[in-house]
Amino acid sequence: MRKTLLGGFLAAGLLMGCGGTDAEAPTDATAQEVSCYDACRQLYGLCMRAAQGNIEEQQQCAAEYVTCNELCPSLGVSR
């Protein structure tokens, strides 16, 4: 289940432009960054719901959330 969620994030991230920025349009890049972090939060919530009652899976969800945020573009906007 977790691999499916992470795979879904990566696919969604590519479609949203997560991980890439456009130097000519900082406003758009900032919006992409926020959207990427929002996607990470949403996927974390879905993962935690799927992992109810399983501490190991919940810990894996948390680790994947951190990884997800690390893959988002960083433009100096606080999270």
PDB file of N, CA and C in Angstrom:
ATOM      1  N   MET A   1       0.826  -1.193   0.000  1.00  0.00           N
ATOM      2  CA  MET A   1       0.000   0.000   0.000  1.00  0.00           C
ATOM      3  C   MET A   1       0.869   1.256   0.000  1.00  0.00           C
ATOM      4  N   ARG A   2       1.908   1.267   0.845  1.00  0.00           N
ATOM      5  CA  ARG A   2       2.761   2.451   0.930  1.00  0.00           C
ATOM      6  C   ARG A   2       3.479   2.710  -0.376  1.00  0.00           C
ATOM      7  N   LYS A   3       3.964   1.652  -1.027  1.00  0.00           N
ATOM      8  CA  LYS A   3       4.662   1.830  -2.295  1.00  0.00           C
ATOM      9  C   LYS A   3       3.721   2.410  -3.334  1.00  0.00           C
ATOM     10  N   THR A   4       2.465   2.007  -3.283  1.00  0.00           N
ATOM     11  CA  THR A   4       1.474   2.542  -4.205  1.00  0.00           C
ATOM     12  C   THR A   4       1.266   4.028  -3.950  1.00  0.00           C
ATOM     13  N   LEU A   5       1.173   4.423  -2.673  1.00  0.00           N
ATOM     14  CA  LEU A   5       0.994   5.834  -2.347  1.00  0.00           C
ATOM     15  C   LEU A   5       2.198   6.656  -2.769  1.00  0.00           C
ATOM     16  N   LEU A   6       3.405   6.154  -2.490  1.00  0.00           N
ATOM     17  CA  LEU A   6       4.606   6.889  -2.863  1.00  0.00           C
ATOM     18  C   LEU A   6       4.724   6.971  -4.381  1.00  0.00           C
ATOM     19  N   GLY A   7       4.399   5.879  -5.074  1.00  0.00           N
ATOM     20  CA  GLY A   7       4.412   5.895  -6.531  1.00  0.00           C
ATOM     21  C   GLY A   7       3.401   6.883  -7.082  1.00  0.00           C
ATOM     22  N   GLY A   8       2.241   6.933  -6.443  1.00  0.00           N
ATOM     23  CA  GLY A   8       1.219   7.901  -6.847  1.00  0.00           C
ATOM     24  C   GLY A   8       1.684   9.322  -6.647  1.00  0.00           C
ATOM     25  N   PHE A   9       2.401   9.566  -5.541  1.00  0.00           N
ATOM     26  CA  PHE A   9       2.935  10.905  -5.301  1.00  0.00           C
ATOM     27  C   PHE A   9       3.931  11.286  -6.378  1.00  0.00           C
ATOM     28  N   LEU A  10       4.836  10.370  -6.691  1.00  0.00           N
ATOM     29  CA  LEU A  10       5.855  10.683  -7.687  1.00  0.00           C
ATOM     30  C   LEU A  10       5.221  10.991  -9.033  1.00  0.00           C
ATOM     31  N   ALA A  11       4.204  10.230  -9.408  1.00  0.00           N
ATOM     32  CA  ALA A  11       3.512  10.488 -10.666  1.00  0.00           C
ATOM     33  C   ALA A  11       2.788  11.829 -10.613  1.00  0.00           C
ATOM     34  N   ALA A  12       2.107  12.095  -9.503  1.00  0.00           N
ATOM     35  CA  ALA A  12       1.398  13.374  -9.355  1.00  0.00           C
ATOM     36  C   ALA A  12       2.389  14.522  -9.325  1.00  0.00           C
ATOM     37  N   GLY A  13       3.509  14.317  -8.675  1.00  0.00           N
ATOM     38  CA  GLY A  13       4.530  15.356  -8.596  1.00  0.00           C
ATOM     39  C   GLY A  13       5.062  15.722  -9.964  1.00  0.00           C
ATOM     40  N   LEU A  14       5.279  14.733 -10.794  1.00  0.00           N
ATOM     41  CA  LEU A  14       5.753  15.017 -12.140  1.00  0.00           C
ATOM     42  C   LEU A  14       4.718  15.798 -12.925  1.00  0.00           C
ATOM     43  N   LEU A  15       3.449  15.458 -12.746  1.00  0.00           N
ATOM     44  CA  LEU A  15       2.387  16.171 -13.448  1.00  0.00           C
ATOM     45  C   LEU A  15       2.231  17.595 -12.942  1.00  0.00           C
ATOM     46  N   MET A  16       2.464  17.814 -11.642  1.00  0.00           N
ATOM     47  CA  MET A  16       2.319  19.150 -11.059  1.00  0.00           C
ATOM     48  C   MET A  16       3.559  19.996 -11.271  1.00  0.00           C
ATOM     49  N   GLY A  17       4.632  19.394 -11.717  1.00  0.00           N
ATOM     50  CA  GLY A  17       5.864  20.146 -11.856  1.00  0.00           C
ATOM     51  C   GLY A  17       6.672  20.127 -10.583  1.00  0.00           C
ATOM     52  N   CYS A  18       6.329  19.276  -9.659  1.00  0.00           N
ATOM     53  CA  CYS A  18       7.049  19.170  -8.400  1.00  0.00           C
ATOM     54  C   CYS A  18       8.447  18.654  -8.688  1.00  0.00           C
ATOM     55  N   GLY A  19       9.448  19.337  -8.167  1.00  0.00           N
ATOM     56  CA  GLY A  19      10.818  18.932  -8.401  1.00  0.00           C
ATOM     57  C   GLY A  19      11.466  19.762  -9.489  1.00  0.00           C
ATOM     58  N   GLY A  20      10.700  20.573 -10.171  1.00  0.00           N
ATOM     59  CA  GLY A  20      11.260  21.437 -11.197  1.00  0.00           C
ATOM     60  C   GLY A  20      10.748  22.843 -11.004  1.00  0.00           C
ATOM     61  N   THR A  21      11.566  23.817 -11.357  1.00  0.00           N
ATOM     62  CA  THR A  21      11.135  25.199 -11.208  1.00  0.00           C
ATOM     63  C   THR A  21      11.395  25.947 -12.495  1.00  0.00           C
ATOM     64  N   ASP A  22      10.690  27.020 -12.679  1.00  0.00           N
ATOM     65  CA  ASP A  22      10.864  27.883 -13.829  1.00  0.00           C
ATOM     66  C   ASP A  22      11.467  29.183 -13.330  1.00  0.00           C
ATOM     67  N   ALA A  23      12.714  29.452 -13.676  1.00  0.00           N
ATOM     68  CA  ALA A  23      13.422  30.625 -13.162  1.00  0.00           C
ATOM     69  C   ALA A  23      12.774  31.924 -13.619  1.00  0.00           C
ATOM     70  N   GLU A  24      12.054  31.905 -14.738  1.00  0.00           N
ATOM     71  CA  GLU A  24      11.445  33.120 -15.255  1.00  0.00           C
ATOM     72  C   GLU A  24      10.132  33.469 -14.568  1.00  0.00           C
ATOM     73  N   ALA A  25       9.568  32.551 -13.830  1.00  0.00           N
ATOM     74  CA  ALA A  25       8.272  32.788 -13.206  1.00  0.00           C
ATOM     75  C   ALA A  25       8.306  32.362 -11.743  1.00  0.00           C
ATOM     76  N   PRO A  26       8.928  33.170 -10.870  1.00  0.00           N
ATOM     77  CA  PRO A  26       9.038  32.768  -9.463  1.00  0.00           C
ATOM     78  C   PRO A  26       7.694  32.588  -8.784  1.00  0.00           C
ATOM     79  N   THR A  27       6.681  33.333  -9.198  1.00  0.00           N
ATOM     80  CA  THR A  27       5.370  33.172  -8.592  1.00  0.00           C
ATOM     81  C   THR A  27       4.824  31.781  -8.884  1.00  0.00           C
ATOM     82  N   ASP A  28       4.963  31.323 -10.118  1.00  0.00           N
ATOM     83  CA  ASP A  28       4.516  29.980 -10.478  1.00  0.00           C
ATOM     84  C   ASP A  28       5.322  28.921  -9.738  1.00  0.00           C
ATOM     85  N   ALA A  29       6.630  29.134  -9.618  1.00  0.00           N
ATOM     86  CA  ALA A  29       7.482  28.168  -8.923  1.00  0.00           C
ATOM     87  C   ALA A  29       7.100  28.087  -7.457  1.00  0.00           C
ATOM     88  N   THR A  30       6.791  29.230  -6.856  1.00  0.00           N
ATOM     89  CA  THR A  30       6.371  29.232  -5.458  1.00  0.00           C
ATOM     90  C   THR A  30       5.059  28.473  -5.312  1.00  0.00           C
ATOM     91  N   ALA A  31       4.155  28.662  -6.251  1.00  0.00           N
ATOM     92  CA  ALA A  31       2.884  27.933  -6.217  1.00  0.00           C
ATOM     93  C   ALA A  31       3.123  26.439  -6.363  1.00  0.00           C
ATOM     94  N   GLN A  32       4.076  26.050  -7.217  1.00  0.00           N
ATOM     95  CA  GLN A  32       4.402  24.632  -7.370  1.00  0.00           C
ATOM     96  C   GLN A  32       4.941  24.068  -6.072  1.00  0.00           C
ATOM     97  N   GLU A  33       5.797  24.849  -5.398  1.00  0.00           N
ATOM     98  CA  GLU A  33       6.371  24.381  -4.141  1.00  0.00           C
ATOM     99  C   GLU A  33       5.269  24.150  -3.116  1.00  0.00           C
ATOM    100  N   VAL A  34       4.370  25.112  -2.972  1.00  0.00           N
ATOM    101  CA  VAL A  34       3.279  24.973  -2.015  1.00  0.00           C
ATOM    102  C   VAL A  34       2.410  23.782  -2.395  1.00  0.00           C
ATOM    103  N   SER A  35       2.117  23.623  -3.679  1.00  0.00           N
ATOM    104  CA  SER A  35       1.312  22.487  -4.126  1.00  0.00           C
ATOM    105  C   SER A  35       2.001  21.173  -3.817  1.00  0.00           C
ATOM    106  N   CYS A  36       3.309  21.130  -3.949  1.00  0.00           N
ATOM    107  CA  CYS A  36       4.060  19.915  -3.657  1.00  0.00           C
ATOM    108  C   CYS A  36       3.936  19.573  -2.174  1.00  0.00           C
ATOM    109  N   TYR A  37       4.121  20.557  -1.306  1.00  0.00           N
ATOM    110  CA  TYR A  37       3.995  20.305   0.132  1.00  0.00           C
ATOM    111  C   TYR A  37       2.563  19.914   0.495  1.00  0.00           C
ATOM    112  N   ASP A  38       1.589  20.532  -0.174  1.00  0.00           N
ATOM    113  CA  ASP A  38       0.192  20.160   0.061  1.00  0.00           C
ATOM    114  C   ASP A  38      -0.053  18.704  -0.344  1.00  0.00           C
ATOM    115  N   ALA A  39       0.515  18.298  -1.471  1.00  0.00           N
ATOM    116  CA  ALA A  39       0.371  16.909  -1.922  1.00  0.00           C
ATOM    117  C   ALA A  39       1.001  15.952  -0.916  1.00  0.00           C
ATOM    118  N   CYS A  40       2.145  16.339  -0.359  1.00  0.00           N
ATOM    119  CA  CYS A  40       2.798  15.497   0.656  1.00  0.00           C
ATOM    120  C   CYS A  40       1.897  15.327   1.872  1.00  0.00           C
ATOM    121  N   ARG A  41       1.280  16.425   2.314  1.00  0.00           N
ATOM    122  CA  ARG A  41       0.380  16.358   3.474  1.00  0.00           C
ATOM    123  C   ARG A  41      -0.818  15.465   3.186  1.00  0.00           C
ATOM    124  N   GLN A  42      -1.391  15.603   2.002  1.00  0.00           N
ATOM    125  CA  GLN A  42      -2.554  14.788   1.649  1.00  0.00           C
ATOM    126  C   GLN A  42      -2.193  13.310   1.591  1.00  0.00           C
ATOM    127  N   LEU A  43      -1.054  13.000   0.986  1.00  0.00           N
ATOM    128  CA  LEU A  43      -0.630  11.603   0.907  1.00  0.00           C
ATOM    129  C   LEU A  43      -0.296  11.044   2.280  1.00  0.00           C
ATOM    130  N   TYR A  44       0.261  11.877   3.143  1.00  0.00           N
ATOM    131  CA  TYR A  44       0.553  11.448   4.511  1.00  0.00           C
ATOM    132  C   TYR A  44      -0.751  11.081   5.223  1.00  0.00           C
ATOM    133  N   GLY A  45      -1.766  11.909   5.056  1.00  0.00           N
ATOM    134  CA  GLY A  45      -3.065  11.625   5.670  1.00  0.00           C
ATOM    135  C   GLY A  45      -3.663  10.318   5.168  1.00  0.00           C
ATOM    136  N   LEU A  46      -3.586  10.097   3.856  1.00  0.00           N
ATOM    137  CA  LEU A  46      -4.095   8.846   3.287  1.00  0.00           C
ATOM    138  C   LEU A  46      -3.312   7.646   3.805  1.00  0.00           C
ATOM    139  N   CYS A  47      -2.009   7.792   3.876  1.00  0.00           N
ATOM    140  CA  CYS A  47      -1.156   6.709   4.362  1.00  0.00           C
ATOM    141  C   CYS A  47      -1.487   6.381   5.817  1.00  0.00           C
ATOM    142  N   MET A  48      -1.653   7.410   6.646  1.00  0.00           N
ATOM    143  CA  MET A  48      -1.948   7.188   8.063  1.00  0.00           C
ATOM    144  C   MET A  48      -3.308   6.519   8.238  1.00  0.00           C
ATOM    145  N   ARG A  49      -4.277   6.878   7.404  1.00  0.00           N
ATOM    146  CA  ARG A  49      -5.581   6.214   7.485  1.00  0.00           C
ATOM    147  C   ARG A  49      -5.456   4.741   7.123  1.00  0.00           C
ATOM    148  N   ALA A  50      -4.661   4.447   6.104  1.00  0.00           N
ATOM    149  CA  ALA A  50      -4.466   3.053   5.685  1.00  0.00           C
ATOM    150  C   ALA A  50      -3.679   2.259   6.721  1.00  0.00           C
ATOM    151  N   ALA A  51      -2.868   2.948   7.522  1.00  0.00           N
ATOM    152  CA  ALA A  51      -2.001   2.278   8.500  1.00  0.00           C
ATOM    153  C   ALA A  51      -2.597   2.267   9.901  1.00  0.00           C
ATOM    154  N   GLN A  52      -3.871   2.556  10.041  1.00  0.00           N
ATOM    155  CA  GLN A  52      -4.494   2.618  11.368  1.00  0.00           C
ATOM    156  C   GLN A  52      -4.193   1.364  12.169  1.00  0.00           C
ATOM    157  N   GLY A  53      -3.722   1.581  13.397  1.00  0.00           N
ATOM    158  CA  GLY A  53      -3.475   0.478  14.306  1.00  0.00           C
ATOM    159  C   GLY A  53      -2.157  -0.243  14.086  1.00  0.00           C
ATOM    160  N   ASN A  54      -1.404   0.127  13.063  1.00  0.00           N
ATOM    161  CA  ASN A  54      -0.129  -0.529  12.784  1.00  0.00           C
ATOM    162  C   ASN A  54       0.989   0.493  12.962  1.00  0.00           C
ATOM    163  N   ILE A  55       1.665   0.436  14.091  1.00  0.00           N
ATOM    164  CA  ILE A  55       2.683   1.433  14.419  1.00  0.00           C
ATOM    165  C   ILE A  55       3.822   1.433  13.404  1.00  0.00           C
ATOM    166  N   GLU A  56       4.240   0.257  12.955  1.00  0.00           N
ATOM    167  CA  GLU A  56       5.337   0.193  11.984  1.00  0.00           C
ATOM    168  C   GLU A  56       4.966   0.891  10.679  1.00  0.00           C
ATOM    169  N   GLU A  57       3.750   0.679  10.222  1.00  0.00           N
ATOM    170  CA  GLU A  57       3.316   1.339   8.991  1.00  0.00           C
ATOM    171  C   GLU A  57       3.153   2.841   9.204  1.00  0.00           C
ATOM    172  N   GLN A  58       2.702   3.254  10.383  1.00  0.00           N
ATOM    173  CA  GLN A  58       2.594   4.678  10.677  1.00  0.00           C
ATOM    174  C   GLN A  58       3.972   5.336  10.673  1.00  0.00           C
ATOM    175  N   GLN A  59       4.970   4.640  11.208  1.00  0.00           N
ATOM    176  CA  GLN A  59       6.334   5.162  11.183  1.00  0.00           C
ATOM    177  C   GLN A  59       6.837   5.264   9.748  1.00  0.00           C
ATOM    178  N   GLN A  60       6.469   4.294   8.922  1.00  0.00           N
ATOM    179  CA  GLN A  60       6.861   4.337   7.514  1.00  0.00           C
ATOM    180  C   GLN A  60       6.183   5.513   6.813  1.00  0.00           C
ATOM    181  N   CYS A  61       4.929   5.776   7.157  1.00  0.00           N
ATOM    182  CA  CYS A  61       4.223   6.935   6.592  1.00  0.00           C
ATOM    183  C   CYS A  61       4.969   8.223   6.931  1.00  0.00           C
ATOM    184  N   ALA A  62       5.407   8.334   8.179  1.00  0.00           N
ATOM    185  CA  ALA A  62       6.134   9.529   8.612  1.00  0.00           C
ATOM    186  C   ALA A  62       7.444   9.666   7.849  1.00  0.00           C
ATOM    187  N   ALA A  63       8.152   8.562   7.666  1.00  0.00           N
ATOM    188  CA  ALA A  63       9.421   8.600   6.928  1.00  0.00           C
ATOM    189  C   ALA A  63       9.184   9.002   5.470  1.00  0.00           C
ATOM    190  N   GLU A  64       8.115   8.480   4.874  1.00  0.00           N
ATOM    191  CA  GLU A  64       7.799   8.822   3.491  1.00  0.00           C
ATOM    192  C   GLU A  64       7.362  10.279   3.368  1.00  0.00           C
ATOM    193  N   TYR A  65       6.715  10.811   4.403  1.00  0.00           N
ATOM    194  CA  TYR A  65       6.325  12.219   4.408  1.00  0.00           C
ATOM    195  C   TYR A  65       7.565  13.105   4.373  1.00  0.00           C
ATOM    196  N   VAL A  66       8.562  12.751   5.168  1.00  0.00           N
ATOM    197  CA  VAL A  66       9.816  13.513   5.183  1.00  0.00           C
ATOM    198  C   VAL A  66      10.479  13.445   3.809  1.00  0.00           C
ATOM    199  N   THR A  67      10.534  12.248   3.231  1.00  0.00           N
ATOM    200  CA  THR A  67      11.134  12.080   1.906  1.00  0.00           C
ATOM    201  C   THR A  67      10.374  12.886   0.864  1.00  0.00           C
ATOM    202  N   CYS A  68       9.072  12.854   0.941  1.00  0.00           N
ATOM    203  CA  CYS A  68       8.229  13.599   0.009  1.00  0.00           C
ATOM    204  C   CYS A  68       8.563  15.086   0.061  1.00  0.00           C
ATOM    205  N   ASN A  69       8.652  15.646   1.267  1.00  0.00           N
ATOM    206  CA  ASN A  69       8.973  17.061   1.417  1.00  0.00           C
ATOM    207  C   ASN A  69      10.367  17.381   0.905  1.00  0.00           C
ATOM    208  N   GLU A  70      11.296  16.452   1.075  1.00  0.00           N
ATOM    209  CA  GLU A  70      12.657  16.671   0.586  1.00  0.00           C
ATOM    210  C   GLU A  70      12.699  16.719  -0.938  1.00  0.00           C
ATOM    211  N   LEU A  71      11.761  16.054  -1.602  1.00  0.00           N
ATOM    212  CA  LEU A  71      11.718  16.044  -3.062  1.00  0.00           C
ATOM    213  C   LEU A  71      11.059  17.295  -3.638  1.00  0.00           C
ATOM    214  N   CYS A  72      10.375  18.061  -2.801  1.00  0.00           N
ATOM    215  CA  CYS A  72       9.737  19.285  -3.276  1.00  0.00           C
ATOM    216  C   CYS A  72      10.804  20.339  -3.557  1.00  0.00           C
ATOM    217  N   PRO A  73      10.552  21.205  -4.542  1.00  0.00           N
ATOM    218  CA  PRO A  73      11.521  22.267  -4.833  1.00  0.00           C
ATOM    219  C   PRO A  73      11.634  23.211  -3.647  1.00  0.00           C
ATOM    220  N   SER A  74      12.826  23.689  -3.408  1.00  0.00           N
ATOM    221  CA  SER A  74      13.048  24.598  -2.286  1.00  0.00           C
ATOM    222  C   SER A  74      13.407  25.975  -2.814  1.00  0.00           C
ATOM    223  N   LEU A  75      12.544  26.938  -2.546  1.00  0.00           N
ATOM    224  CA  LEU A  75      12.777  28.303  -3.003  1.00  0.00           C
ATOM    225  C   LEU A  75      12.873  29.271  -1.842  1.00  0.00           C
ATOM    226  N   GLY A  76      13.095  28.749  -0.653  1.00  0.00           N
ATOM    227  CA  GLY A  76      13.218  29.607   0.512  1.00  0.00           C
ATOM    228  C   GLY A  76      11.894  29.975   1.142  1.00  0.00           C
ATOM    229  N   VAL A  77      10.810  29.377   0.707  1.00  0.00           N
ATOM    230  CA  VAL A  77       9.503  29.641   1.291  1.00  0.00           C
ATOM    231  C   VAL A  77       9.354  28.739   2.500  1.00  0.00           C
ATOM    232  N   SER A  78       9.009  29.325   3.640  1.00  0.00           N
ATOM    233  CA  SER A  78       8.868  28.508   4.847  1.00  0.00           C
ATOM    234  C   SER A  78       7.653  27.613   4.725  1.00  0.00           C
ATOM    235  N   ARG A  79       7.778  26.432   5.339  1.00  0.00           N
ATOM    236  CA  ARG A  79       6.705  25.435   5.259  1.00  0.00           C
ATOM    237  C   ARG A  79       5.709  25.612   6.350  1.00  0.00           C
TER     238      ARG A  79
END
